[in-house]
Amino acid sequence: MKIKPWIEPKDQMSHIGRHQWSVPRLFELSKDLPVMEVPLAHLNVWHNYNKLTMRELVMHIKAIEAADLAMPIILDEDGEIMDGRHRIMKCMWKGLPTIKAVRFDENPSPCRVDEA
């Protein structure tokens, strides 16, 4: 059985509800936002990864291990996570109380909106 290749950041999409954003576009749009330290306790960390295979779980563990905590996560205008779940998991694993974050005052227009 082959392991699916990891989706590189250049090809990743952020999903919140029906809205989707290109992760590279979010990086570009958020690069000048002020960086702040956000307590992990203030983040919605209830995202789940349903029915992962063992191989997929290993790929997530590798991504957590490689996560760069110097790079801020990206939050939407309501504080929902747009990018940075593996960095958040790394902080949780290490027992760190806060993470670097940027937050949009107003969400950028989505790249795509799924039909209801």
PDB file of N, CA and C in Angstrom:
ATOM      1  N   MET A   1       0.843  -1.174   0.000  1.00  0.00           N
ATOM      2  CA  MET A   1       0.000   0.000   0.000  1.00  0.00           C
ATOM      3  C   MET A   1       0.896   1.247   0.000  1.00  0.00           C
ATOM      4  N   LYS A   2       0.594   2.164  -0.887  1.00  0.00           N
ATOM      5  CA  LYS A   2       1.377   3.382  -0.976  1.00  0.00           C
ATOM      6  C   LYS A   2       0.827   4.442  -0.017  1.00  0.00           C
ATOM      7  N   ILE A   3       1.742   5.248   0.522  1.00  0.00           N
ATOM      8  CA  ILE A   3       1.347   6.362   1.369  1.00  0.00           C
ATOM      9  C   ILE A   3       1.034   7.534   0.461  1.00  0.00           C
ATOM     10  N   LYS A   4      -0.126   8.151   0.668  1.00  0.00           N
ATOM     11  CA  LYS A   4      -0.468   9.336  -0.117  1.00  0.00           C
ATOM     12  C   LYS A   4       0.578  10.409   0.150  1.00  0.00           C
ATOM     13  N   PRO A   5       0.985  11.124  -0.875  1.00  0.00           N
ATOM     14  CA  PRO A   5       1.953  12.205  -0.637  1.00  0.00           C
ATOM     15  C   PRO A   5       1.329  13.309   0.210  1.00  0.00           C
ATOM     16  N   TRP A   6       2.145  13.924   1.052  1.00  0.00           N
ATOM     17  CA  TRP A   6       1.694  15.030   1.892  1.00  0.00           C
ATOM     18  C   TRP A   6       1.376  16.215   1.002  1.00  0.00           C
ATOM     19  N   ILE A   7       0.314  16.922   1.303  1.00  0.00           N
ATOM     20  CA  ILE A   7      -0.054  18.094   0.507  1.00  0.00           C
ATOM     21  C   ILE A   7       0.836  19.254   0.931  1.00  0.00           C
ATOM     22  N   GLU A   8       1.630  19.733   0.027  1.00  0.00           N
ATOM     23  CA  GLU A   8       2.534  20.844   0.300  1.00  0.00           C
ATOM     24  C   GLU A   8       1.727  22.116   0.572  1.00  0.00           C
ATOM     25  N   PRO A   9       2.271  23.036   1.397  1.00  0.00           N
ATOM     26  CA  PRO A   9       1.533  24.276   1.687  1.00  0.00           C
ATOM     27  C   PRO A   9       1.072  25.019   0.430  1.00  0.00           C
ATOM     28  N   LYS A  10       1.842  24.961  -0.639  1.00  0.00           N
ATOM     29  CA  LYS A  10       1.461  25.683  -1.862  1.00  0.00           C
ATOM     30  C   LYS A  10       0.165  25.146  -2.473  1.00  0.00           C
ATOM     31  N   ASP A  11      -0.215  23.936  -2.092  1.00  0.00           N
ATOM     32  CA  ASP A  11      -1.424  23.318  -2.632  1.00  0.00           C
ATOM     33  C   ASP A  11      -2.539  23.188  -1.596  1.00  0.00           C
ATOM     34  N   GLN A  12      -2.306  23.651  -0.377  1.00  0.00           N
ATOM     35  CA  GLN A  12      -3.295  23.474   0.687  1.00  0.00           C
ATOM     36  C   GLN A  12      -4.385  24.535   0.624  1.00  0.00           C
ATOM     37  N   MET A  13      -5.567  24.119   1.066  1.00  0.00           N
ATOM     38  CA  MET A  13      -6.700  25.024   1.180  1.00  0.00           C
ATOM     39  C   MET A  13      -7.157  25.047   2.629  1.00  0.00           C
ATOM     40  N   SER A  14      -7.544  26.218   3.092  1.00  0.00           N
ATOM     41  CA  SER A  14      -8.108  26.389   4.426  1.00  0.00           C
ATOM     42  C   SER A  14      -9.623  26.364   4.287  1.00  0.00           C
ATOM     43  N   HIS A  15     -10.291  25.613   5.175  1.00  0.00           N
ATOM     44  CA  HIS A  15     -11.749  25.470   5.118  1.00  0.00           C
ATOM     45  C   HIS A  15     -12.359  25.939   6.437  1.00  0.00           C
ATOM     46  N   ILE A  16     -13.295  26.858   6.352  1.00  0.00           N
ATOM     47  CA  ILE A  16     -14.104  27.243   7.507  1.00  0.00           C
ATOM     48  C   ILE A  16     -15.539  27.293   6.996  1.00  0.00           C
ATOM     49  N   GLY A  17     -16.345  26.387   7.511  1.00  0.00           N
ATOM     50  CA  GLY A  17     -17.705  26.286   6.994  1.00  0.00           C
ATOM     51  C   GLY A  17     -17.666  25.972   5.513  1.00  0.00           C
ATOM     52  N   ARG A  18     -18.386  26.731   4.731  1.00  0.00           N
ATOM     53  CA  ARG A  18     -18.447  26.522   3.279  1.00  0.00           C
ATOM     54  C   ARG A  18     -17.350  27.288   2.538  1.00  0.00           C
ATOM     55  N   HIS A  19     -16.609  28.140   3.252  1.00  0.00           N
ATOM     56  CA  HIS A  19     -15.605  28.989   2.608  1.00  0.00           C
ATOM     57  C   HIS A  19     -14.232  28.327   2.574  1.00  0.00           C
ATOM     58  N   GLN A  20     -13.517  28.568   1.477  1.00  0.00           N
ATOM     59  CA  GLN A  20     -12.176  28.023   1.307  1.00  0.00           C
ATOM     60  C   GLN A  20     -11.224  29.111   0.834  1.00  0.00           C
ATOM     61  N   TRP A  21     -10.011  29.078   1.380  1.00  0.00           N
ATOM     62  CA  TRP A  21      -8.962  30.013   1.001  1.00  0.00           C
ATOM     63  C   TRP A  21      -7.701  29.232   0.670  1.00  0.00           C
ATOM     64  N   SER A  22      -6.971  29.710  -0.309  1.00  0.00           N
ATOM     65  CA  SER A  22      -5.660  29.165  -0.631  1.00  0.00           C
ATOM     66  C   SER A  22      -4.708  29.549   0.510  1.00  0.00           C
ATOM     67  N   VAL A  23      -3.990  28.567   1.055  1.00  0.00           N
ATOM     68  CA  VAL A  23      -3.064  28.855   2.154  1.00  0.00           C
ATOM     69  C   VAL A  23      -1.965  29.824   1.715  1.00  0.00           C
ATOM     70  N   PRO A  24      -1.341  29.659   0.530  1.00  0.00           N
ATOM     71  CA  PRO A  24      -0.344  30.651   0.123  1.00  0.00           C
ATOM     72  C   PRO A  24      -0.920  32.075   0.049  1.00  0.00           C
ATOM     73  N   ARG A  25      -2.170  32.192  -0.382  1.00  0.00           N
ATOM     74  CA  ARG A  25      -2.819  33.507  -0.430  1.00  0.00           C
ATOM     75  C   ARG A  25      -2.987  34.057   0.983  1.00  0.00           C
ATOM     76  N   LEU A  26      -3.370  33.197   1.940  1.00  0.00           N
ATOM     77  CA  LEU A  26      -3.484  33.646   3.326  1.00  0.00           C
ATOM     78  C   LEU A  26      -2.143  34.112   3.865  1.00  0.00           C
ATOM     79  N   PHE A  27      -1.061  33.382   3.530  1.00  0.00           N
ATOM     80  CA  PHE A  27       0.284  33.803   3.955  1.00  0.00           C
ATOM     81  C   PHE A  27       0.568  35.217   3.456  1.00  0.00           C
ATOM     82  N   GLU A  28       0.289  35.431   2.169  1.00  0.00           N
ATOM     83  CA  GLU A  28       0.570  36.734   1.567  1.00  0.00           C
ATOM     84  C   GLU A  28      -0.286  37.841   2.183  1.00  0.00           C
ATOM     85  N   LEU A  29      -1.566  37.594   2.348  1.00  0.00           N
ATOM     86  CA  LEU A  29      -2.477  38.616   2.874  1.00  0.00           C
ATOM     87  C   LEU A  29      -2.237  38.923   4.356  1.00  0.00           C
ATOM     88  N   SER A  30      -1.647  37.984   5.073  1.00  0.00           N
ATOM     89  CA  SER A  30      -1.460  38.168   6.514  1.00  0.00           C
ATOM     90  C   SER A  30      -0.045  38.585   6.895  1.00  0.00           C
ATOM     91  N   LYS A  31       0.852  38.682   5.933  1.00  0.00           N
ATOM     92  CA  LYS A  31       2.269  38.895   6.252  1.00  0.00           C
ATOM     93  C   LYS A  31       2.556  40.197   7.005  1.00  0.00           C
ATOM     94  N   ASP A  32       1.730  41.214   6.860  1.00  0.00           N
ATOM     95  CA  ASP A  32       1.975  42.485   7.535  1.00  0.00           C
ATOM     96  C   ASP A  32       1.091  42.698   8.768  1.00  0.00           C
ATOM     97  N   LEU A  33       0.309  41.687   9.126  1.00  0.00           N
ATOM     98  CA  LEU A  33      -0.526  41.809  10.324  1.00  0.00           C
ATOM     99  C   LEU A  33       0.351  41.713  11.574  1.00  0.00           C
ATOM    100  N   PRO A  34      -0.044  42.397  12.655  1.00  0.00           N
ATOM    101  CA  PRO A  34       0.770  42.323  13.877  1.00  0.00           C
ATOM    102  C   PRO A  34       0.717  40.919  14.490  1.00  0.00           C
ATOM    103  N   VAL A  35       1.875  40.470  14.961  1.00  0.00           N
ATOM    104  CA  VAL A  35       1.984  39.159  15.596  1.00  0.00           C
ATOM    105  C   VAL A  35       1.720  39.324  17.084  1.00  0.00           C
ATOM    106  N   MET A  36       0.904  38.421  17.626  1.00  0.00           N
ATOM    107  CA  MET A  36       0.591  38.459  19.056  1.00  0.00           C
ATOM    108  C   MET A  36       0.753  37.056  19.629  1.00  0.00           C
ATOM    109  N   GLU A  37       0.865  36.986  20.939  1.00  0.00           N
ATOM    110  CA  GLU A  37       0.895  35.704  21.636  1.00  0.00           C
ATOM    111  C   GLU A  37      -0.531  35.402  22.086  1.00  0.00           C
ATOM    112  N   VAL A  38      -1.058  34.264  21.676  1.00  0.00           N
ATOM    113  CA  VAL A  38      -2.430  33.880  22.006  1.00  0.00           C
ATOM    114  C   VAL A  38      -2.393  32.652  22.914  1.00  0.00           C
ATOM    115  N   PRO A  39      -3.103  32.684  24.033  1.00  0.00           N
ATOM    116  CA  PRO A  39      -3.175  31.486  24.873  1.00  0.00           C
ATOM    117  C   PRO A  39      -3.871  30.348  24.123  1.00  0.00           C
ATOM    118  N   LEU A  40      -3.307  29.162  24.203  1.00  0.00           N
ATOM    119  CA  LEU A  40      -3.933  28.015  23.539  1.00  0.00           C
ATOM    120  C   LEU A  40      -5.346  27.785  24.059  1.00  0.00           C
ATOM    121  N   ALA A  41      -5.567  28.122  25.317  1.00  0.00           N
ATOM    122  CA  ALA A  41      -6.889  27.932  25.923  1.00  0.00           C
ATOM    123  C   ALA A  41      -7.958  28.796  25.255  1.00  0.00           C
ATOM    124  N   HIS A  42      -7.548  29.816  24.497  1.00  0.00           N
ATOM    125  CA  HIS A  42      -8.505  30.701  23.835  1.00  0.00           C
ATOM    126  C   HIS A  42      -8.835  30.247  22.410  1.00  0.00           C
ATOM    127  N   LEU A  43      -8.205  29.171  21.951  1.00  0.00           N
ATOM    128  CA  LEU A  43      -8.415  28.707  20.580  1.00  0.00           C
ATOM    129  C   LEU A  43      -9.430  27.570  20.529  1.00  0.00           C
ATOM    130  N   ASN A  44     -10.173  27.516  19.435  1.00  0.00           N
ATOM    131  CA  ASN A  44     -11.105  26.422  19.197  1.00  0.00           C
ATOM    132  C   ASN A  44     -10.288  25.254  18.640  1.00  0.00           C
ATOM    133  N   VAL A  45      -9.990  24.293  19.507  1.00  0.00           N
ATOM    134  CA  VAL A  45      -9.158  23.164  19.086  1.00  0.00           C
ATOM    135  C   VAL A  45      -9.990  21.886  18.934  1.00  0.00           C
ATOM    136  N   TRP A  46     -11.236  22.036  18.529  1.00  0.00           N
ATOM    137  CA  TRP A  46     -12.127  20.893  18.410  1.00  0.00           C
ATOM    138  C   TRP A  46     -12.177  20.315  17.004  1.00  0.00           C
ATOM    139  N   HIS A  47     -11.282  20.771  16.113  1.00  0.00           N
ATOM    140  CA  HIS A  47     -11.201  20.165  14.776  1.00  0.00           C
ATOM    141  C   HIS A  47     -10.862  18.685  14.948  1.00  0.00           C
ATOM    142  N   ASN A  48     -11.490  17.822  14.164  1.00  0.00           N
ATOM    143  CA  ASN A  48     -11.147  16.408  14.290  1.00  0.00           C
ATOM    144  C   ASN A  48     -10.729  15.841  12.946  1.00  0.00           C
ATOM    145  N   TYR A  49      -9.970  14.786  13.044  1.00  0.00           N
ATOM    146  CA  TYR A  49      -9.479  14.080  11.870  1.00  0.00           C
ATOM    147  C   TYR A  49     -10.124  12.698  11.886  1.00  0.00           C
ATOM    148  N   ASN A  50     -11.283  12.578  11.286  1.00  0.00           N
ATOM    149  CA  ASN A  50     -12.041  11.331  11.305  1.00  0.00           C
ATOM    150  C   ASN A  50     -11.382  10.257  10.454  1.00  0.00           C
ATOM    151  N   LYS A  51     -11.410   9.065  10.984  1.00  0.00           N
ATOM    152  CA  LYS A  51     -11.026   7.860  10.246  1.00  0.00           C
ATOM    153  C   LYS A  51      -9.668   7.952   9.560  1.00  0.00           C
ATOM    154  N   LEU A  52      -8.660   8.409  10.291  1.00  0.00           N
ATOM    155  CA  LEU A  52      -7.310   8.410   9.736  1.00  0.00           C
ATOM    156  C   LEU A  52      -6.750   6.992   9.743  1.00  0.00           C
ATOM    157  N   THR A  53      -6.057   6.651   8.688  1.00  0.00           N
ATOM    158  CA  THR A  53      -5.327   5.387   8.693  1.00  0.00           C
ATOM    159  C   THR A  53      -4.073   5.592   9.540  1.00  0.00           C
ATOM    160  N   MET A  54      -3.421   4.510   9.878  1.00  0.00           N
ATOM    161  CA  MET A  54      -2.171   4.630  10.644  1.00  0.00           C
ATOM    162  C   MET A  54      -1.144   5.427   9.854  1.00  0.00           C
ATOM    163  N   ARG A  55      -1.083   5.197   8.548  1.00  0.00           N
ATOM    164  CA  ARG A  55      -0.120   5.927   7.712  1.00  0.00           C
ATOM    165  C   ARG A  55      -0.426   7.430   7.713  1.00  0.00           C
ATOM    166  N   GLU A  56      -1.714   7.763   7.600  1.00  0.00           N
ATOM    167  CA  GLU A  56      -2.087   9.185   7.613  1.00  0.00           C
ATOM    168  C   GLU A  56      -1.758   9.818   8.957  1.00  0.00           C
ATOM    169  N   LEU A  57      -1.967   9.076  10.037  1.00  0.00           N
ATOM    170  CA  LEU A  57      -1.636   9.585  11.360  1.00  0.00           C
ATOM    171  C   LEU A  57      -0.137   9.841  11.471  1.00  0.00           C
ATOM    172  N   VAL A  58       0.665   8.932  10.947  1.00  0.00           N
ATOM    173  CA  VAL A  58       2.122   9.116  10.956  1.00  0.00           C
ATOM    174  C   VAL A  58       2.500  10.375  10.179  1.00  0.00           C
ATOM    175  N   MET A  59       1.831  10.616   9.053  1.00  0.00           N
ATOM    176  CA  MET A  59       2.121  11.825   8.272  1.00  0.00           C
ATOM    177  C   MET A  59       1.795  13.079   9.085  1.00  0.00           C
ATOM    178  N   HIS A  60       0.697  13.049   9.845  1.00  0.00           N
ATOM    179  CA  HIS A  60       0.370  14.188  10.698  1.00  0.00           C
ATOM    180  C   HIS A  60       1.412  14.355  11.806  1.00  0.00           C
ATOM    181  N   ILE A  61       1.859  13.262  12.384  1.00  0.00           N
ATOM    182  CA  ILE A  61       2.879  13.337  13.434  1.00  0.00           C
ATOM    183  C   ILE A  61       4.160  13.939  12.870  1.00  0.00           C
ATOM    184  N   LYS A  62       4.535  13.530  11.668  1.00  0.00           N
ATOM    185  CA  LYS A  62       5.722  14.112  11.027  1.00  0.00           C
ATOM    186  C   LYS A  62       5.537  15.612  10.803  1.00  0.00           C
ATOM    187  N   ALA A  63       4.344  16.016  10.385  1.00  0.00           N
ATOM    188  CA  ALA A  63       4.080  17.441  10.166  1.00  0.00           C
ATOM    189  C   ALA A  63       4.125  18.213  11.481  1.00  0.00           C
ATOM    190  N   ILE A  64       3.644  17.616  12.551  1.00  0.00           N
ATOM    191  CA  ILE A  64       3.711  18.261  13.873  1.00  0.00           C
ATOM    192  C   ILE A  64       5.163  18.428  14.286  1.00  0.00           C
ATOM    193  N   GLU A  65       5.934  17.372  14.108  1.00  0.00           N
ATOM    194  CA  GLU A  65       7.358  17.412  14.465  1.00  0.00           C
ATOM    195  C   GLU A  65       8.097  18.501  13.685  1.00  0.00           C
ATOM    196  N   ALA A  66       7.759  18.671  12.407  1.00  0.00           N
ATOM    197  CA  ALA A  66       8.443  19.645  11.538  1.00  0.00           C
ATOM    198  C   ALA A  66       7.888  21.062  11.664  1.00  0.00           C
ATOM    199  N   ALA A  67       6.789  21.237  12.380  1.00  0.00           N
ATOM    200  CA  ALA A  67       6.133  22.545  12.466  1.00  0.00           C
ATOM    201  C   ALA A  67       7.078  23.602  13.044  1.00  0.00           C
ATOM    202  N   ASP A  68       7.100  24.764  12.416  1.00  0.00           N
ATOM    203  CA  ASP A  68       7.969  25.878  12.811  1.00  0.00           C
ATOM    204  C   ASP A  68       7.185  26.838  13.700  1.00  0.00           C
ATOM    205  N   LEU A  69       7.483  26.807  14.999  1.00  0.00           N
ATOM    206  CA  LEU A  69       6.748  27.648  15.943  1.00  0.00           C
ATOM    207  C   LEU A  69       7.101  29.131  15.841  1.00  0.00           C
ATOM    208  N   ALA A  70       8.127  29.464  15.059  1.00  0.00           N
ATOM    209  CA  ALA A  70       8.455  30.875  14.842  1.00  0.00           C
ATOM    210  C   ALA A  70       7.457  31.512  13.882  1.00  0.00           C
ATOM    211  N   MET A  71       6.783  30.690  13.102  1.00  0.00           N
ATOM    212  CA  MET A  71       5.809  31.182  12.123  1.00  0.00           C
ATOM    213  C   MET A  71       4.441  31.272  12.799  1.00  0.00           C
ATOM    214  N   PRO A  72       3.809  32.448  12.770  1.00  0.00           N
ATOM    215  CA  PRO A  72       2.512  32.573  13.449  1.00  0.00           C
ATOM    216  C   PRO A  72       1.400  31.809  12.738  1.00  0.00           C
ATOM    217  N   ILE A  73       0.446  31.343  13.530  1.00  0.00           N
ATOM    218  CA  ILE A  73      -0.755  30.758  12.952  1.00  0.00           C
ATOM    219  C   ILE A  73      -1.613  31.904  12.415  1.00  0.00           C
ATOM    220  N   ILE A  74      -2.598  31.582  11.592  1.00  0.00           N
ATOM    221  CA  ILE A  74      -3.475  32.602  11.017  1.00  0.00           C
ATOM    222  C   ILE A  74      -4.890  32.357  11.519  1.00  0.00           C
ATOM    223  N   LEU A  75      -5.486  33.394  12.106  1.00  0.00           N
ATOM    224  CA  LEU A  75      -6.851  33.323  12.614  1.00  0.00           C
ATOM    225  C   LEU A  75      -7.754  34.221  11.784  1.00  0.00           C
ATOM    226  N   ASP A  76      -9.007  33.810  11.658  1.00  0.00           N
ATOM    227  CA  ASP A  76      -9.960  34.649  10.940  1.00  0.00           C
ATOM    228  C   ASP A  76     -10.501  35.731  11.878  1.00  0.00           C
ATOM    229  N   GLU A  77     -11.418  36.543  11.371  1.00  0.00           N
ATOM    230  CA  GLU A  77     -11.945  37.677  12.145  1.00  0.00           C
ATOM    231  C   GLU A  77     -12.661  37.246  13.421  1.00  0.00           C
ATOM    232  N   ASP A  78     -13.121  35.987  13.471  1.00  0.00           N
ATOM    233  CA  ASP A  78     -13.796  35.468  14.660  1.00  0.00           C
ATOM    234  C   ASP A  78     -12.870  34.649  15.545  1.00  0.00           C
ATOM    235  N   GLY A  79     -11.599  34.572  15.181  1.00  0.00           N
ATOM    236  CA  GLY A  79     -10.636  33.810  15.970  1.00  0.00           C
ATOM    237  C   GLY A  79     -10.570  32.334  15.611  1.00  0.00           C
ATOM    238  N   GLU A  80     -11.235  31.937  14.505  1.00  0.00           N
ATOM    239  CA  GLU A  80     -11.157  30.543  14.057  1.00  0.00           C
ATOM    240  C   GLU A  80      -9.829  30.314  13.336  1.00  0.00           C
ATOM    241  N   ILE A  81      -9.330  29.101  13.407  1.00  0.00           N
ATOM    242  CA  ILE A  81      -8.023  28.761  12.832  1.00  0.00           C
ATOM    243  C   ILE A  81      -8.148  28.608  11.316  1.00  0.00           C
ATOM    244  N   MET A  82      -7.395  29.448  10.599  1.00  0.00           N
ATOM    245  CA  MET A  82      -7.348  29.338   9.143  1.00  0.00           C
ATOM    246  C   MET A  82      -6.130  28.515   8.719  1.00  0.00           C
ATOM    247  N   ASP A  83      -5.035  28.678   9.441  1.00  0.00           N
ATOM    248  CA  ASP A  83      -3.815  27.924   9.157  1.00  0.00           C
ATOM    249  C   ASP A  83      -3.033  27.783  10.453  1.00  0.00           C
ATOM    250  N   GLY A  84      -2.449  26.603  10.671  1.00  0.00           N
ATOM    251  CA  GLY A  84      -1.554  26.430  11.809  1.00  0.00           C
ATOM    252  C   GLY A  84      -1.914  25.313  12.773  1.00  0.00           C
ATOM    253  N   ARG A  85      -2.771  24.395  12.371  1.00  0.00           N
ATOM    254  CA  ARG A  85      -3.191  23.338  13.307  1.00  0.00           C
ATOM    255  C   ARG A  85      -2.019  22.481  13.782  1.00  0.00           C
ATOM    256  N   HIS A  86      -1.067  22.174  12.895  1.00  0.00           N
ATOM    257  CA  HIS A  86       0.073  21.360  13.320  1.00  0.00           C
ATOM    258  C   HIS A  86       0.962  22.127  14.302  1.00  0.00           C
ATOM    259  N   ARG A  87       1.078  23.444  14.118  1.00  0.00           N
ATOM    260  CA  ARG A  87       1.839  24.246  15.089  1.00  0.00           C
ATOM    261  C   ARG A  87       1.135  24.268  16.435  1.00  0.00           C
ATOM    262  N   ILE A  88      -0.197  24.368  16.405  1.00  0.00           N
ATOM    263  CA  ILE A  88      -0.965  24.337  17.655  1.00  0.00           C
ATOM    264  C   ILE A  88      -0.763  22.994  18.351  1.00  0.00           C
ATOM    265  N   MET A  89      -0.846  21.899  17.583  1.00  0.00           N
ATOM    266  CA  MET A  89      -0.652  20.571  18.175  1.00  0.00           C
ATOM    267  C   MET A  89       0.751  20.429  18.758  1.00  0.00           C
ATOM    268  N   LYS A  90       1.749  21.027  18.099  1.00  0.00           N
ATOM    269  CA  LYS A  90       3.119  20.960  18.618  1.00  0.00           C
ATOM    270  C   LYS A  90       3.198  21.698  19.959  1.00  0.00           C
ATOM    271  N   CYS A  91       2.568  22.858  20.052  1.00  0.00           N
ATOM    272  CA  CYS A  91       2.548  23.592  21.321  1.00  0.00           C
ATOM    273  C   CYS A  91       1.846  22.785  22.407  1.00  0.00           C
ATOM    274  N   MET A  92       0.730  22.171  22.053  1.00  0.00           N
ATOM    275  CA  MET A  92       0.000  21.347  23.019  1.00  0.00           C
ATOM    276  C   MET A  92       0.884  20.191  23.493  1.00  0.00           C
ATOM    277  N   TRP A  93       1.550  19.529  22.552  1.00  0.00           N
ATOM    278  CA  TRP A  93       2.416  18.394  22.868  1.00  0.00           C
ATOM    279  C   TRP A  93       3.552  18.812  23.806  1.00  0.00           C
ATOM    280  N   LYS A  94       4.128  20.010  23.554  1.00  0.00           N
ATOM    281  CA  LYS A  94       5.245  20.488  24.366  1.00  0.00           C
ATOM    282  C   LYS A  94       4.792  21.155  25.662  1.00  0.00           C
ATOM    283  N   GLY A  95       3.487  21.326  25.821  1.00  0.00           N
ATOM    284  CA  GLY A  95       2.980  21.951  27.039  1.00  0.00           C
ATOM    285  C   GLY A  95       3.162  23.460  27.074  1.00  0.00           C
ATOM    286  N   LEU A  96       3.268  24.077  25.898  1.00  0.00           N
ATOM    287  CA  LEU A  96       3.434  25.530  25.836  1.00  0.00           C
ATOM    288  C   LEU A  96       2.071  26.202  26.011  1.00  0.00           C
ATOM    289  N   PRO A  97       2.008  27.284  26.770  1.00  0.00           N
ATOM    290  CA  PRO A  97       0.713  27.914  27.040  1.00  0.00           C
ATOM    291  C   PRO A  97       0.225  28.855  25.940  1.00  0.00           C
ATOM    292  N   THR A  98       1.130  29.351  25.096  1.00  0.00           N
ATOM    293  CA  THR A  98       0.745  30.331  24.073  1.00  0.00           C
ATOM    294  C   THR A  98       1.363  29.972  22.728  1.00  0.00           C
ATOM    295  N   ILE A  99       0.863  30.639  21.686  1.00  0.00           N
ATOM    296  CA  ILE A  99       1.398  30.473  20.337  1.00  0.00           C
ATOM    297  C   ILE A  99       1.358  31.820  19.635  1.00  0.00           C
ATOM    298  N   LYS A 100       2.311  32.044  18.738  1.00  0.00           N
ATOM    299  CA  LYS A 100       2.306  33.266  17.927  1.00  0.00           C
ATOM    300  C   LYS A 100       1.158  33.187  16.926  1.00  0.00           C
ATOM    301  N   ALA A 101       0.466  34.310  16.741  1.00  0.00           N
ATOM    302  CA  ALA A 101      -0.688  34.330  15.837  1.00  0.00           C
ATOM    303  C   ALA A 101      -0.853  35.701  15.205  1.00  0.00           C
ATOM    304  N   VAL A 102      -1.466  35.693  14.032  1.00  0.00           N
ATOM    305  CA  VAL A 102      -1.966  36.915  13.398  1.00  0.00           C
ATOM    306  C   VAL A 102      -3.455  36.699  13.202  1.00  0.00           C
ATOM    307  N   ARG A 103      -4.184  37.808  13.144  1.00  0.00           N
ATOM    308  CA  ARG A 103      -5.641  37.692  13.017  1.00  0.00           C
ATOM    309  C   ARG A 103      -6.161  38.768  12.066  1.00  0.00           C
ATOM    310  N   PHE A 104      -7.001  38.340  11.140  1.00  0.00           N
ATOM    311  CA  PHE A 104      -7.640  39.290  10.238  1.00  0.00           C
ATOM    312  C   PHE A 104      -8.714  40.073  10.988  1.00  0.00           C
ATOM    313  N   ASP A 105      -8.753  41.385  10.779  1.00  0.00           N
ATOM    314  CA  ASP A 105      -9.855  42.194  11.304  1.00  0.00           C
ATOM    315  C   ASP A 105     -11.117  41.922  10.491  1.00  0.00           C
ATOM    316  N   GLU A 106     -10.908  41.686   9.205  1.00  0.00           N
ATOM    317  CA  GLU A 106     -12.000  41.332   8.295  1.00  0.00           C
ATOM    318  C   GLU A 106     -11.474  40.236   7.379  1.00  0.00           C
ATOM    319  N   ASN A 107     -12.208  39.152   7.292  1.00  0.00           N
ATOM    320  CA  ASN A 107     -11.747  38.035   6.473  1.00  0.00           C
ATOM    321  C   ASN A 107     -11.591  38.443   5.019  1.00  0.00           C
ATOM    322  N   PRO A 108     -10.528  37.932   4.374  1.00  0.00           N
ATOM    323  CA  PRO A 108     -10.421  38.158   2.938  1.00  0.00           C
ATOM    324  C   PRO A 108     -11.528  37.380   2.227  1.00  0.00           C
ATOM    325  N   SER A 109     -11.845  37.809   1.032  1.00  0.00           N
ATOM    326  CA  SER A 109     -12.856  37.069   0.275  1.00  0.00           C
ATOM    327  C   SER A 109     -12.339  35.650   0.032  1.00  0.00           C
ATOM    328  N   PRO A 110     -13.222  34.660   0.128  1.00  0.00           N
ATOM    329  CA  PRO A 110     -12.773  33.281  -0.091  1.00  0.00           C
ATOM    330  C   PRO A 110     -12.428  33.026  -1.548  1.00  0.00           C
ATOM    331  N   CYS A 111     -11.591  32.040  -1.767  1.00  0.00           N
ATOM    332  CA  CYS A 111     -11.262  31.614  -3.126  1.00  0.00           C
ATOM    333  C   CYS A 111     -12.399  30.800  -3.722  1.00  0.00           C
ATOM    334  N   ARG A 112     -13.141  30.135  -2.827  1.00  0.00           N
ATOM    335  CA  ARG A 112     -14.228  29.271  -3.261  1.00  0.00           C
ATOM    336  C   ARG A 112     -15.252  29.165  -2.147  1.00  0.00           C
ATOM    337  N   VAL A 113     -16.509  29.022  -2.528  1.00  0.00           N
ATOM    338  CA  VAL A 113     -17.594  28.798  -1.563  1.00  0.00           C
ATOM    339  C   VAL A 113     -18.319  27.529  -2.008  1.00  0.00           C
ATOM    340  N   ASP A 114     -18.346  26.540  -1.124  1.00  0.00           N
ATOM    341  CA  ASP A 114     -19.049  25.290  -1.438  1.00  0.00           C
ATOM    342  C   ASP A 114     -20.544  25.533  -1.429  1.00  0.00           C
ATOM    343  N   GLU A 115     -21.240  24.804  -2.269  1.00  0.00           N
ATOM    344  CA  GLU A 115     -22.706  24.906  -2.276  1.00  0.00           C
ATOM    345  C   GLU A 115     -23.267  24.238  -1.038  1.00  0.00           C
ATOM    346  N   ALA A 116     -24.375  24.726  -0.562  1.00  0.00           N
ATOM    347  CA  ALA A 116     -24.985  24.183   0.657  1.00  0.00           C
ATOM    348  C   ALA A 116     -25.457  22.771   0.497  1.00  0.00           C
TER     349      ALA A 116
END
